[in-house]
Amino acid sequence: MSECKLDHNHEDVKSKYESIAAFLPEDLKPLFIQFFEKEHSQDLLNEVFHLLKKYDLATKEEQATRNNRLYLVLKNV
């Protein structure tokens, strides 16, 4: 994934999630619900946004890598 200089706010991340939720594993969805109930650092918001960005276009291997990272991030917030 490329490095982005833009900061993404809570609504950007939520909108990105909603646009690709159908492509995510079902067991990630409750973690996102919990994630969106809290405030998070700018770094964390940016990271989650970029893990979601173009998720639907990623290869299965890339999706698996992103899923692993999402599990780590979402379970530890």
PDB file of N, CA and C in Angstrom:
ATOM      1  N   MET A   1       0.837  -1.176   0.000  1.00  0.00           N
ATOM      2  CA  MET A   1       0.000   0.000   0.000  1.00  0.00           C
ATOM      3  C   MET A   1       0.884   1.242   0.000  1.00  0.00           C
ATOM      4  N   SER A   2       0.474   2.222  -0.731  1.00  0.00           N
ATOM      5  CA  SER A   2       1.262   3.436  -0.826  1.00  0.00           C
ATOM      6  C   SER A   2       1.024   4.330   0.387  1.00  0.00           C
ATOM      7  N   GLU A   3       2.004   5.173   0.640  1.00  0.00           N
ATOM      8  CA  GLU A   3       1.921   6.113   1.749  1.00  0.00           C
ATOM      9  C   GLU A   3       1.100   7.323   1.308  1.00  0.00           C
ATOM     10  N   CYS A   4       0.202   7.758   2.155  1.00  0.00           N
ATOM     11  CA  CYS A   4      -0.682   8.880   1.840  1.00  0.00           C
ATOM     12  C   CYS A   4      -0.416  10.005   2.824  1.00  0.00           C
ATOM     13  N   LYS A   5      -0.419  11.222   2.333  1.00  0.00           N
ATOM     14  CA  LYS A   5      -0.157  12.381   3.189  1.00  0.00           C
ATOM     15  C   LYS A   5      -1.440  12.997   3.746  1.00  0.00           C
ATOM     16  N   LEU A   6      -2.605  12.477   3.341  1.00  0.00           N
ATOM     17  CA  LEU A   6      -3.873  13.011   3.823  1.00  0.00           C
ATOM     18  C   LEU A   6      -4.247  12.392   5.167  1.00  0.00           C
ATOM     19  N   ASP A   7      -4.851  13.205   6.019  1.00  0.00           N
ATOM     20  CA  ASP A   7      -5.410  12.689   7.259  1.00  0.00           C
ATOM     21  C   ASP A   7      -6.881  12.383   7.033  1.00  0.00           C
ATOM     22  N   HIS A   8      -7.294  11.214   7.464  1.00  0.00           N
ATOM     23  CA  HIS A   8      -8.675  10.775   7.285  1.00  0.00           C
ATOM     24  C   HIS A   8      -9.386  10.834   8.631  1.00  0.00           C
ATOM     25  N   ASN A   9     -10.562  11.459   8.631  1.00  0.00           N
ATOM     26  CA  ASN A   9     -11.305  11.575   9.887  1.00  0.00           C
ATOM     27  C   ASN A   9     -12.201  10.351  10.095  1.00  0.00           C
ATOM     28  N   HIS A  10     -12.867  10.355  11.234  1.00  0.00           N
ATOM     29  CA  HIS A  10     -13.743   9.252  11.631  1.00  0.00           C
ATOM     30  C   HIS A  10     -14.783   8.957  10.539  1.00  0.00           C
ATOM     31  N   GLU A  11     -15.382  10.006   9.997  1.00  0.00           N
ATOM     32  CA  GLU A  11     -16.416   9.820   8.966  1.00  0.00           C
ATOM     33  C   GLU A  11     -15.843   9.261   7.672  1.00  0.00           C
ATOM     34  N   ASP A  12     -14.625   9.657   7.307  1.00  0.00           N
ATOM     35  CA  ASP A  12     -13.969   9.099   6.110  1.00  0.00           C
ATOM     36  C   ASP A  12     -13.801   7.590   6.260  1.00  0.00           C
ATOM     37  N   VAL A  13     -13.332   7.186   7.431  1.00  0.00           N
ATOM     38  CA  VAL A  13     -13.086   5.760   7.674  1.00  0.00           C
ATOM     39  C   VAL A  13     -14.413   4.993   7.669  1.00  0.00           C
ATOM     40  N   LYS A  14     -15.416   5.553   8.306  1.00  0.00           N
ATOM     41  CA  LYS A  14     -16.723   4.891   8.358  1.00  0.00           C
ATOM     42  C   LYS A  14     -17.322   4.767   6.957  1.00  0.00           C
ATOM     43  N   SER A  15     -17.210   5.798   6.168  1.00  0.00           N
ATOM     44  CA  SER A  15     -17.720   5.774   4.801  1.00  0.00           C
ATOM     45  C   SER A  15     -16.987   4.730   3.956  1.00  0.00           C
ATOM     46  N   LYS A  16     -15.670   4.672   4.113  1.00  0.00           N
ATOM     47  CA  LYS A  16     -14.873   3.683   3.371  1.00  0.00           C
ATOM     48  C   LYS A  16     -15.282   2.275   3.806  1.00  0.00           C
ATOM     49  N   TYR A  17     -15.442   2.076   5.108  1.00  0.00           N
ATOM     50  CA  TYR A  17     -15.880   0.775   5.617  1.00  0.00           C
ATOM     51  C   TYR A  17     -17.225   0.388   5.007  1.00  0.00           C
ATOM     52  N   GLU A  18     -18.179   1.292   5.041  1.00  0.00           N
ATOM     53  CA  GLU A  18     -19.515   0.988   4.526  1.00  0.00           C
ATOM     54  C   GLU A  18     -19.487   0.656   3.037  1.00  0.00           C
ATOM     55  N   SER A  19     -18.573   1.270   2.302  1.00  0.00           N
ATOM     56  CA  SER A  19     -18.512   1.028   0.861  1.00  0.00           C
ATOM     57  C   SER A  19     -17.922  -0.339   0.506  1.00  0.00           C
ATOM     58  N   ILE A  20     -17.145  -0.932   1.414  1.00  0.00           N
ATOM     59  CA  ILE A  20     -16.536  -2.240   1.097  1.00  0.00           C
ATOM     60  C   ILE A  20     -16.918  -3.330   2.095  1.00  0.00           C
ATOM     61  N   ALA A  21     -17.839  -3.059   2.995  1.00  0.00           N
ATOM     62  CA  ALA A  21     -18.216  -4.024   4.035  1.00  0.00           C
ATOM     63  C   ALA A  21     -18.638  -5.372   3.455  1.00  0.00           C
ATOM     64  N   ALA A  22     -19.270  -5.365   2.314  1.00  0.00           N
ATOM     65  CA  ALA A  22     -19.736  -6.617   1.706  1.00  0.00           C
ATOM     66  C   ALA A  22     -18.573  -7.548   1.335  1.00  0.00           C
ATOM     67  N   PHE A  23     -17.379  -7.006   1.207  1.00  0.00           N
ATOM     68  CA  PHE A  23     -16.214  -7.799   0.819  1.00  0.00           C
ATOM     69  C   PHE A  23     -15.415  -8.308   2.016  1.00  0.00           C
ATOM     70  N   LEU A  24     -15.721  -7.793   3.205  1.00  0.00           N
ATOM     71  CA  LEU A  24     -14.966  -8.160   4.406  1.00  0.00           C
ATOM     72  C   LEU A  24     -15.501  -9.438   5.043  1.00  0.00           C
ATOM     73  N   PRO A  25     -14.642 -10.161   5.766  1.00  0.00           N
ATOM     74  CA  PRO A  25     -15.117 -11.328   6.511  1.00  0.00           C
ATOM     75  C   PRO A  25     -16.151 -10.909   7.551  1.00  0.00           C
ATOM     76  N   GLU A  26     -17.158 -11.741   7.741  1.00  0.00           N
ATOM     77  CA  GLU A  26     -18.261 -11.423   8.676  1.00  0.00           C
ATOM     78  C   GLU A  26     -17.774 -11.181  10.097  1.00  0.00           C
ATOM     79  N   ASP A  27     -16.746 -11.902  10.528  1.00  0.00           N
ATOM     80  CA  ASP A  27     -16.302 -11.758  11.913  1.00  0.00           C
ATOM     81  C   ASP A  27     -15.531 -10.459  12.178  1.00  0.00           C
ATOM     82  N   LEU A  28     -15.203  -9.712  11.133  1.00  0.00           N
ATOM     83  CA  LEU A  28     -14.593  -8.396  11.319  1.00  0.00           C
ATOM     84  C   LEU A  28     -15.641  -7.321  11.602  1.00  0.00           C
ATOM     85  N   LYS A  29     -16.842  -7.537  11.132  1.00  0.00           N
ATOM     86  CA  LYS A  29     -17.878  -6.501  11.206  1.00  0.00           C
ATOM     87  C   LYS A  29     -18.212  -6.069  12.631  1.00  0.00           C
ATOM     88  N   PRO A  30     -18.367  -6.987  13.588  1.00  0.00           N
ATOM     89  CA  PRO A  30     -18.624  -6.534  14.969  1.00  0.00           C
ATOM     90  C   PRO A  30     -17.458  -5.718  15.541  1.00  0.00           C
ATOM     91  N   LEU A  31     -16.249  -6.035  15.113  1.00  0.00           N
ATOM     92  CA  LEU A  31     -15.087  -5.277  15.583  1.00  0.00           C
ATOM     93  C   LEU A  31     -15.134  -3.844  15.061  1.00  0.00           C
ATOM     94  N   PHE A  32     -15.611  -3.680  13.836  1.00  0.00           N
ATOM     95  CA  PHE A  32     -15.753  -2.331  13.290  1.00  0.00           C
ATOM     96  C   PHE A  32     -16.838  -1.559  14.026  1.00  0.00           C
ATOM     97  N   ILE A  33     -17.916  -2.217  14.391  1.00  0.00           N
ATOM     98  CA  ILE A  33     -18.974  -1.543  15.144  1.00  0.00           C
ATOM     99  C   ILE A  33     -18.395  -0.983  16.444  1.00  0.00           C
ATOM    100  N   GLN A  34     -17.615  -1.788  17.141  1.00  0.00           N
ATOM    101  CA  GLN A  34     -16.974  -1.334  18.376  1.00  0.00           C
ATOM    102  C   GLN A  34     -15.974  -0.211  18.094  1.00  0.00           C
ATOM    103  N   PHE A  35     -15.240  -0.341  17.004  1.00  0.00           N
ATOM    104  CA  PHE A  35     -14.246   0.660  16.628  1.00  0.00           C
ATOM    105  C   PHE A  35     -14.893   2.027  16.439  1.00  0.00           C
ATOM    106  N   PHE A  36     -16.024   2.055  15.758  1.00  0.00           N
ATOM    107  CA  PHE A  36     -16.670   3.327  15.447  1.00  0.00           C
ATOM    108  C   PHE A  36     -17.370   3.963  16.645  1.00  0.00           C
ATOM    109  N   GLU A  37     -17.486   3.241  17.742  1.00  0.00           N
ATOM    110  CA  GLU A  37     -18.087   3.798  18.956  1.00  0.00           C
ATOM    111  C   GLU A  37     -17.106   4.628  19.777  1.00  0.00           C
ATOM    112  N   LYS A  38     -15.831   4.598  19.392  1.00  0.00           N
ATOM    113  CA  LYS A  38     -14.789   5.272  20.168  1.00  0.00           C
ATOM    114  C   LYS A  38     -14.051   6.296  19.317  1.00  0.00           C
ATOM    115  N   GLU A  39     -13.332   7.168  19.997  1.00  0.00           N
ATOM    116  CA  GLU A  39     -12.430   8.109  19.333  1.00  0.00           C
ATOM    117  C   GLU A  39     -11.064   7.435  19.180  1.00  0.00           C
ATOM    118  N   HIS A  40     -10.358   7.785  18.102  1.00  0.00           N
ATOM    119  CA  HIS A  40      -9.057   7.171  17.850  1.00  0.00           C
ATOM    120  C   HIS A  40      -8.049   8.204  17.381  1.00  0.00           C
ATOM    121  N   SER A  41      -6.778   7.853  17.526  1.00  0.00           N
ATOM    122  CA  SER A  41      -5.707   8.745  17.091  1.00  0.00           C
ATOM    123  C   SER A  41      -5.740   8.893  15.571  1.00  0.00           C
ATOM    124  N   GLN A  42      -5.156   9.977  15.111  1.00  0.00           N
ATOM    125  CA  GLN A  42      -5.091  10.218  13.668  1.00  0.00           C
ATOM    126  C   GLN A  42      -4.330   9.099  12.970  1.00  0.00           C
ATOM    127  N   ASP A  43      -3.251   8.638  13.558  1.00  0.00           N
ATOM    128  CA  ASP A  43      -2.466   7.556  12.956  1.00  0.00           C
ATOM    129  C   ASP A  43      -3.297   6.292  12.785  1.00  0.00           C
ATOM    130  N   LEU A  44      -4.079   5.974  13.791  1.00  0.00           N
ATOM    131  CA  LEU A  44      -4.910   4.771  13.729  1.00  0.00           C
ATOM    132  C   LEU A  44      -6.003   4.916  12.672  1.00  0.00           C
ATOM    133  N   LEU A  45      -6.649   6.073  12.624  1.00  0.00           N
ATOM    134  CA  LEU A  45      -7.669   6.306  11.597  1.00  0.00           C
ATOM    135  C   LEU A  45      -7.069   6.182  10.202  1.00  0.00           C
ATOM    136  N   ASN A  46      -5.903   6.758  10.000  1.00  0.00           N
ATOM    137  CA  ASN A  46      -5.251   6.678   8.695  1.00  0.00           C
ATOM    138  C   ASN A  46      -4.909   5.233   8.340  1.00  0.00           C
ATOM    139  N   GLU A  47      -4.403   4.487   9.311  1.00  0.00           N
ATOM    140  CA  GLU A  47      -4.031   3.100   9.048  1.00  0.00           C
ATOM    141  C   GLU A  47      -5.242   2.266   8.650  1.00  0.00           C
ATOM    142  N   VAL A  48      -6.330   2.379   9.388  1.00  0.00           N
ATOM    143  CA  VAL A  48      -7.530   1.601   9.081  1.00  0.00           C
ATOM    144  C   VAL A  48      -8.088   2.009   7.712  1.00  0.00           C
ATOM    145  N   PHE A  49      -8.095   3.306   7.429  1.00  0.00           N
ATOM    146  CA  PHE A  49      -8.575   3.769   6.127  1.00  0.00           C
ATOM    147  C   PHE A  49      -7.792   3.101   5.001  1.00  0.00           C
ATOM    148  N   HIS A  50      -6.473   3.076   5.132  1.00  0.00           N
ATOM    149  CA  HIS A  50      -5.653   2.534   4.060  1.00  0.00           C
ATOM    150  C   HIS A  50      -5.710   1.014   3.969  1.00  0.00           C
ATOM    151  N   LEU A  51      -6.018   0.356   5.056  1.00  0.00           N
ATOM    152  CA  LEU A  51      -6.251  -1.093   4.985  1.00  0.00           C
ATOM    153  C   LEU A  51      -7.548  -1.396   4.235  1.00  0.00           C
ATOM    154  N   LEU A  52      -8.498  -0.493   4.337  1.00  0.00           N
ATOM    155  CA  LEU A  52      -9.789  -0.671   3.656  1.00  0.00           C
ATOM    156  C   LEU A  52      -9.762  -0.196   2.204  1.00  0.00           C
ATOM    157  N   LYS A  53      -8.910   0.767   1.923  1.00  0.00           N
ATOM    158  CA  LYS A  53      -8.873   1.376   0.591  1.00  0.00           C
ATOM    159  C   LYS A  53      -8.583   0.330  -0.488  1.00  0.00           C
ATOM    160  N   LYS A  54      -9.451   0.269  -1.470  1.00  0.00           N
ATOM    161  CA  LYS A  54      -9.341  -0.653  -2.609  1.00  0.00           C
ATOM    162  C   LYS A  54      -9.237  -2.113  -2.177  1.00  0.00           C
ATOM    163  N   TYR A  55      -9.774  -2.424  -1.002  1.00  0.00           N
ATOM    164  CA  TYR A  55      -9.772  -3.796  -0.492  1.00  0.00           C
ATOM    165  C   TYR A  55     -10.413  -4.743  -1.500  1.00  0.00           C
ATOM    166  N   ASP A  56     -11.514  -4.306  -2.095  1.00  0.00           N
ATOM    167  CA  ASP A  56     -12.250  -5.150  -3.034  1.00  0.00           C
ATOM    168  C   ASP A  56     -11.460  -5.459  -4.293  1.00  0.00           C
ATOM    169  N   LEU A  57     -10.451  -4.659  -4.600  1.00  0.00           N
ATOM    170  CA  LEU A  57      -9.630  -4.883  -5.793  1.00  0.00           C
ATOM    171  C   LEU A  57      -8.351  -5.662  -5.498  1.00  0.00           C
ATOM    172  N   ALA A  58      -8.072  -5.871  -4.235  1.00  0.00           N
ATOM    173  CA  ALA A  58      -6.848  -6.569  -3.835  1.00  0.00           C
ATOM    174  C   ALA A  58      -6.953  -8.063  -4.123  1.00  0.00           C
ATOM    175  N   THR A  59      -5.792  -8.690  -4.315  1.00  0.00           N
ATOM    176  CA  THR A  59      -5.757 -10.141  -4.500  1.00  0.00           C
ATOM    177  C   THR A  59      -6.181 -10.821  -3.204  1.00  0.00           C
ATOM    178  N   LYS A  60      -6.517 -12.089  -3.283  1.00  0.00           N
ATOM    179  CA  LYS A  60      -6.903 -12.843  -2.078  1.00  0.00           C
ATOM    180  C   LYS A  60      -5.768 -12.841  -1.059  1.00  0.00           C
ATOM    181  N   GLU A  61      -4.525 -12.927  -1.531  1.00  0.00           N
ATOM    182  CA  GLU A  61      -3.377 -12.917  -0.629  1.00  0.00           C
ATOM    183  C   GLU A  61      -3.261 -11.563   0.074  1.00  0.00           C
ATOM    184  N   GLU A  62      -3.447 -10.485  -0.680  1.00  0.00           N
ATOM    185  CA  GLU A  62      -3.388  -9.149  -0.097  1.00  0.00           C
ATOM    186  C   GLU A  62      -4.543  -8.935   0.878  1.00  0.00           C
ATOM    187  N   GLN A  63      -5.718  -9.431   0.541  1.00  0.00           N
ATOM    188  CA  GLN A  63      -6.858  -9.328   1.455  1.00  0.00           C
ATOM    189  C   GLN A  63      -6.566 -10.063   2.755  1.00  0.00           C
ATOM    190  N   ALA A  64      -5.952 -11.232   2.664  1.00  0.00           N
ATOM    191  CA  ALA A  64      -5.616 -12.000   3.869  1.00  0.00           C
ATOM    192  C   ALA A  64      -4.629 -11.223   4.737  1.00  0.00           C
ATOM    193  N   THR A  65      -3.652 -10.587   4.124  1.00  0.00           N
ATOM    194  CA  THR A  65      -2.681  -9.778   4.857  1.00  0.00           C
ATOM    195  C   THR A  65      -3.380  -8.606   5.541  1.00  0.00           C
ATOM    196  N   ARG A  66      -4.262  -7.936   4.804  1.00  0.00           N
ATOM    197  CA  ARG A  66      -4.999  -6.808   5.380  1.00  0.00           C
ATOM    198  C   ARG A  66      -5.932  -7.277   6.495  1.00  0.00           C
ATOM    199  N   ASN A  67      -6.579  -8.428   6.312  1.00  0.00           N
ATOM    200  CA  ASN A  67      -7.457  -8.969   7.358  1.00  0.00           C
ATOM    201  C   ASN A  67      -6.675  -9.192   8.642  1.00  0.00           C
ATOM    202  N   ASN A  68      -5.496  -9.794   8.522  1.00  0.00           N
ATOM    203  CA  ASN A  68      -4.672 -10.049   9.707  1.00  0.00           C
ATOM    204  C   ASN A  68      -4.346  -8.749  10.429  1.00  0.00           C
ATOM    205  N   ARG A  69      -3.990  -7.738   9.675  1.00  0.00           N
ATOM    206  CA  ARG A  69      -3.650  -6.448  10.284  1.00  0.00           C
ATOM    207  C   ARG A  69      -4.895  -5.805  10.907  1.00  0.00           C
ATOM    208  N   LEU A  70      -6.019  -5.891  10.218  1.00  0.00           N
ATOM    209  CA  LEU A  70      -7.270  -5.339  10.766  1.00  0.00           C
ATOM    210  C   LEU A  70      -7.643  -6.026  12.072  1.00  0.00           C
ATOM    211  N   TYR A  71      -7.521  -7.358  12.119  1.00  0.00           N
ATOM    212  CA  TYR A  71      -7.813  -8.085  13.369  1.00  0.00           C
ATOM    213  C   TYR A  71      -6.936  -7.563  14.500  1.00  0.00           C
ATOM    214  N   LEU A  72      -5.640  -7.411  14.231  1.00  0.00           N
ATOM    215  CA  LEU A  72      -4.716  -6.919  15.250  1.00  0.00           C
ATOM    216  C   LEU A  72      -5.104  -5.526  15.732  1.00  0.00           C
ATOM    217  N   VAL A  73      -5.376  -4.638  14.798  1.00  0.00           N
ATOM    218  CA  VAL A  73      -5.710  -3.257  15.142  1.00  0.00           C
ATOM    219  C   VAL A  73      -7.045  -3.177  15.874  1.00  0.00           C
ATOM    220  N   LEU A  74      -8.057  -3.810  15.330  1.00  0.00           N
ATOM    221  CA  LEU A  74      -9.409  -3.675  15.881  1.00  0.00           C
ATOM    222  C   LEU A  74      -9.585  -4.380  17.226  1.00  0.00           C
ATOM    223  N   LYS A  75      -8.858  -5.444  17.462  1.00  0.00           N
ATOM    224  CA  LYS A  75      -8.973  -6.151  18.738  1.00  0.00           C
ATOM    225  C   LYS A  75      -8.185  -5.474  19.847  1.00  0.00           C
ATOM    226  N   ASN A  76      -7.302  -4.555  19.482  1.00  0.00           N
ATOM    227  CA  ASN A  76      -6.440  -3.931  20.484  1.00  0.00           C
ATOM    228  C   ASN A  76      -6.716  -2.449  20.681  1.00  0.00           C
ATOM    229  N   VAL A  77      -7.901  -2.001  20.309  1.00  0.00           N
ATOM    230  CA  VAL A  77      -8.253  -0.589  20.537  1.00  0.00           C
ATOM    231  C   VAL A  77      -9.216  -0.472  21.700  1.00  0.00           C
TER     232      VAL A  77
END
